[in-house]
C-alpha atoms as a PDB file:
ATOM      1  CA  MET A   1       3.475   2.959  19.794  1.00  0.00           C
ATOM      2  CA  LYS A   2       0.757   1.126  17.869  1.00  0.00           C
ATOM      3  CA  PHE A   3       1.258   3.421  14.855  1.00  0.00           C
ATOM      4  CA  ILE A   4       5.013   2.758  14.802  1.00  0.00           C
ATOM      5  CA  LEU A   5       4.439  -0.985  14.991  1.00  0.00           C
ATOM      6  CA  ARG A   6       1.936  -0.803  12.135  1.00  0.00           C
ATOM      7  CA  LEU A   7       4.470   1.162  10.052  1.00  0.00           C
ATOM      8  CA  LEU A   8       7.144  -1.451  10.728  1.00  0.00           C
ATOM      9  CA  LEU A   9       4.760  -4.250   9.746  1.00  0.00           C
ATOM     10  CA  SER A  10       3.827  -2.360   6.579  1.00  0.00           C
ATOM     11  CA  ALA A  11       7.513  -1.939   5.748  1.00  0.00           C
ATOM     12  CA  LEU A  12       7.973  -5.680   6.292  1.00  0.00           C
ATOM     13  CA  ALA A  13       5.078  -6.353   3.921  1.00  0.00           C
ATOM     14  CA  VAL A  14       6.631  -4.052   1.294  1.00  0.00           C
ATOM     15  CA  VAL A  15       9.957  -5.912   1.567  1.00  0.00           C
ATOM     16  CA  VAL A  16       8.270  -9.311   1.291  1.00  0.00           C
ATOM     17  CA  LEU A  17       6.230  -8.268  -1.745  1.00  0.00           C
ATOM     18  CA  SER A  18       9.249  -6.722  -3.442  1.00  0.00           C
ATOM     19  CA  ASN A  19      11.002 -10.070  -3.119  1.00  0.00           C
ATOM     20  CA  VAL A  20       7.988 -11.997  -4.417  1.00  0.00           C
ATOM     21  CA  LEU A  21       6.782  -9.808  -7.284  1.00  0.00           C
ATOM     22  CA  PRO A  22       9.146  -9.546 -10.252  1.00  0.00           C
ATOM     23  CA  ASN A  23       8.344  -5.967 -11.313  1.00  0.00           C
ATOM     24  CA  VAL A  24       8.414  -4.390  -7.852  1.00  0.00           C
ATOM     25  CA  SER A  25      11.693  -3.475  -6.199  1.00  0.00           C
ATOM     26  CA  VAL A  26      12.840  -1.766  -3.029  1.00  0.00           C
ATOM     27  CA  ASP A  27      16.505  -0.879  -2.585  1.00  0.00           C
ATOM     28  CA  THR A  28      16.914  -1.020   1.199  1.00  0.00           C
ATOM     29  CA  TYR A  29      14.958  -1.632   4.363  1.00  0.00           C
ATOM     30  CA  THR A  30      15.074   2.099   5.051  1.00  0.00           C
ATOM     31  CA  THR A  31      13.454   2.695   1.672  1.00  0.00           C
ATOM     32  CA  ALA A  32      10.740   0.197   2.609  1.00  0.00           C
ATOM     33  CA  LEU A  33      10.080   2.148   5.807  1.00  0.00           C
ATOM     34  CA  ILE A  34       9.909   5.393   3.808  1.00  0.00           C
ATOM     35  CA  VAL A  35       7.487   3.692   1.379  1.00  0.00           C
ATOM     36  CA  ALA A  36       5.304   2.623   4.310  1.00  0.00           C
ATOM     37  CA  ILE A  37       5.276   6.193   5.633  1.00  0.00           C
ATOM     38  CA  ALA A  38       4.548   7.609   2.171  1.00  0.00           C
ATOM     39  CA  LEU A  39       1.713   5.141   1.589  1.00  0.00           C
ATOM     40  CA  SER A  40       0.150   5.951   4.946  1.00  0.00           C
ATOM     41  CA  LEU A  41       0.358   9.696   4.240  1.00  0.00           C
ATOM     42  CA  LEU A  42      -1.030   9.301   0.719  1.00  0.00           C
ATOM     43  CA  ASN A  43      -3.844   7.075   1.998  1.00  0.00           C
ATOM     44  CA  PHE A  44      -4.633   9.664   4.669  1.00  0.00           C
ATOM     45  CA  ILE A  45      -4.493  12.796   2.481  1.00  0.00           C
ATOM     46  CA  VAL A  46      -4.906  11.955  -1.213  1.00  0.00           C
ATOM     47  CA  LYS A  47      -7.111   8.852  -1.187  1.00  0.00           C
ATOM     48  CA  PRO A  48     -10.216  10.470   0.375  1.00  0.00           C
ATOM     49  CA  ILE A  49     -10.050  13.264  -2.203  1.00  0.00           C
ATOM     50  CA  LEU A  50      -9.776  10.768  -5.058  1.00  0.00           C
ATOM     51  CA  VAL A  51     -12.622   8.674  -3.662  1.00  0.00           C
ATOM     52  CA  ILE A  52     -14.916  11.702  -3.455  1.00  0.00           C
ATOM     53  CA  LEU A  53     -13.991  12.943  -6.928  1.00  0.00           C
ATOM     54  CA  THR A  54     -14.546   9.522  -8.513  1.00  0.00           C
ATOM     55  CA  LEU A  55     -17.630   8.552  -6.526  1.00  0.00           C
ATOM     56  CA  PRO A  56     -19.952   8.244  -9.562  1.00  0.00           C
ATOM     57  CA  VAL A  57     -17.509   5.939 -11.372  1.00  0.00           C
ATOM     58  CA  THR A  58     -16.997   3.931  -8.188  1.00  0.00           C
ATOM     59  CA  ILE A  59     -20.746   3.468  -7.784  1.00  0.00           C
ATOM     60  CA  VAL A  60     -21.233   2.444 -11.429  1.00  0.00           C
ATOM     61  CA  THR A  61     -18.416  -0.120 -11.200  1.00  0.00           C
ATOM     62  CA  PHE A  62     -19.704  -1.434  -7.847  1.00  0.00           C
ATOM     63  CA  GLY A  63     -16.522  -0.337  -6.066  1.00  0.00           C
ATOM     64  CA  LEU A  64     -14.052  -1.934  -8.461  1.00  0.00           C
ATOM     65  CA  PHE A  65     -12.693   1.492  -9.385  1.00  0.00           C
ATOM     66  CA  LEU A  66     -11.190   1.607  -5.887  1.00  0.00           C
ATOM     67  CA  LEU A  67      -8.571  -0.811  -7.230  1.00  0.00           C
ATOM     68  CA  VAL A  68      -7.541   1.869  -9.716  1.00  0.00           C
ATOM     69  CA  ILE A  69      -7.404   4.460  -6.930  1.00  0.00           C
ATOM     70  CA  ASN A  70      -5.156   2.145  -4.898  1.00  0.00           C
ATOM     71  CA  ALA A  71      -2.923   1.716  -7.949  1.00  0.00           C
ATOM     72  CA  VAL A  72      -2.725   5.497  -8.301  1.00  0.00           C
ATOM     73  CA  ILE A  73      -1.609   5.736  -4.668  1.00  0.00           C
ATOM     74  CA  ILE A  74       1.067   3.071  -5.288  1.00  0.00           C
ATOM     75  CA  LYS A  75       2.288   4.846  -8.423  1.00  0.00           C
ATOM     76  CA  LEU A  76       2.419   8.158  -6.533  1.00  0.00           C
ATOM     77  CA  ALA A  77       4.587   6.502  -3.881  1.00  0.00           C
ATOM     78  CA  ASP A  78       6.712   5.107  -6.712  1.00  0.00           C
ATOM     79  CA  HIS A  79       7.114   8.632  -8.061  1.00  0.00           C
ATOM     80  CA  PHE A  80       7.950  10.287  -4.726  1.00  0.00           C
ATOM     81  CA  VAL A  81      10.213   7.657  -3.123  1.00  0.00           C
ATOM     82  CA  ASP A  82      13.588   7.024  -4.704  1.00  0.00           C
ATOM     83  CA  GLY A  83      14.555   3.378  -4.591  1.00  0.00           C
ATOM     84  CA  PHE A  84      10.978   2.102  -4.878  1.00  0.00           C
ATOM     85  CA  VAL A  85       9.973   1.007  -8.378  1.00  0.00           C
ATOM     86  CA  VAL A  86       6.711  -0.489  -9.624  1.00  0.00           C
ATOM     87  CA  ASP A  87       6.777  -1.250 -13.353  1.00  0.00           C
ATOM     88  CA  GLY A  88       3.332  -0.716 -14.818  1.00  0.00           C
ATOM     89  CA  TRP A  89      -0.223  -0.205 -13.694  1.00  0.00           C
ATOM     90  CA  LEU A  90      -1.060  -3.898 -13.585  1.00  0.00           C
ATOM     91  CA  TRP A  91       1.763  -4.535 -11.141  1.00  0.00           C
ATOM     92  CA  ALA A  92       0.589  -1.571  -9.064  1.00  0.00           C
ATOM     93  CA  ILE A  93      -2.866  -3.155  -8.803  1.00  0.00           C
ATOM     94  CA  VAL A  94      -1.386  -6.566  -7.932  1.00  0.00           C
ATOM     95  CA  PHE A  95       0.959  -4.951  -5.396  1.00  0.00           C
ATOM     96  CA  SER A  96      -1.886  -3.016  -3.755  1.00  0.00           C
ATOM     97  CA  LEU A  97      -4.081  -6.121  -3.519  1.00  0.00           C
ATOM     98  CA  LEU A  98      -1.324  -8.267  -2.044  1.00  0.00           C
ATOM     99  CA  LEU A  99      -0.180  -5.472   0.273  1.00  0.00           C
ATOM    100  CA  SER A 100      -3.704  -5.109   1.649  1.00  0.00           C
ATOM    101  CA  LEU A 101      -3.982  -8.863   2.141  1.00  0.00           C
ATOM    102  CA  LEU A 102      -0.587  -9.160   3.824  1.00  0.00           C
ATOM    103  CA  GLN A 103      -1.213  -6.133   6.041  1.00  0.00           C
ATOM    104  CA  SER A 104      -4.559  -7.508   7.176  1.00  0.00           C
ATOM    105  CA  ILE A 105      -2.901 -10.814   8.104  1.00  0.00           C
ATOM    106  CA  LEU A 106      -0.057  -9.098   9.974  1.00  0.00           C
ATOM    107  CA  PHE A 107      -2.366  -6.649  11.744  1.00  0.00           C
ATOM    108  CA  SER A 108      -4.738  -9.449  12.790  1.00  0.00           C
ATOM    109  CA  VAL A 109      -1.782 -11.284  14.350  1.00  0.00           C
ATOM    110  CA  LEU A 110      -0.975  -8.071  16.182  1.00  0.00           C
ATOM    111  CA  LYS A 111      -4.544  -7.812  17.480  1.00  0.00           C
ATOM    112  CA  SER A 112      -4.663 -11.451  18.562  1.00  0.00           C
ATOM    113  CA  ASP A 113      -1.459 -10.983  20.583  1.00  0.00           C
ATOM    114  CA  LYS A 114      -3.064  -8.056  22.430  1.00  0.00           C
ATOM    115  CA  LYS A 115      -6.044 -10.152  23.509  1.00  0.00           C
ATOM    116  CA  ARG A 116      -3.884 -12.641  25.388  1.00  0.00           C
END
């Protein structure tokens, strides 16, 4: 149940960011849910492989290369999900940063509701 709620909150964050950012678009709410599922699968499967392969570059850049890895994950989701468009690598980085921030806020609200 917690996983489904996190997916729904991620889909909500994708919809909000697609309305805020000019070069990011999502066609429907169903597409946003598919994007949330795709991002969670890509973060679970592809991201650890990319992090291991780029570990020397990540260490040299003091972890800033992880922003590029997050942008790659966003662009992969853009490629695989029809109806989700991110124009350019800069917008993918901005989208990933804002998505992480918005998800952390939404998930912290979820955790604070559980403590009551």
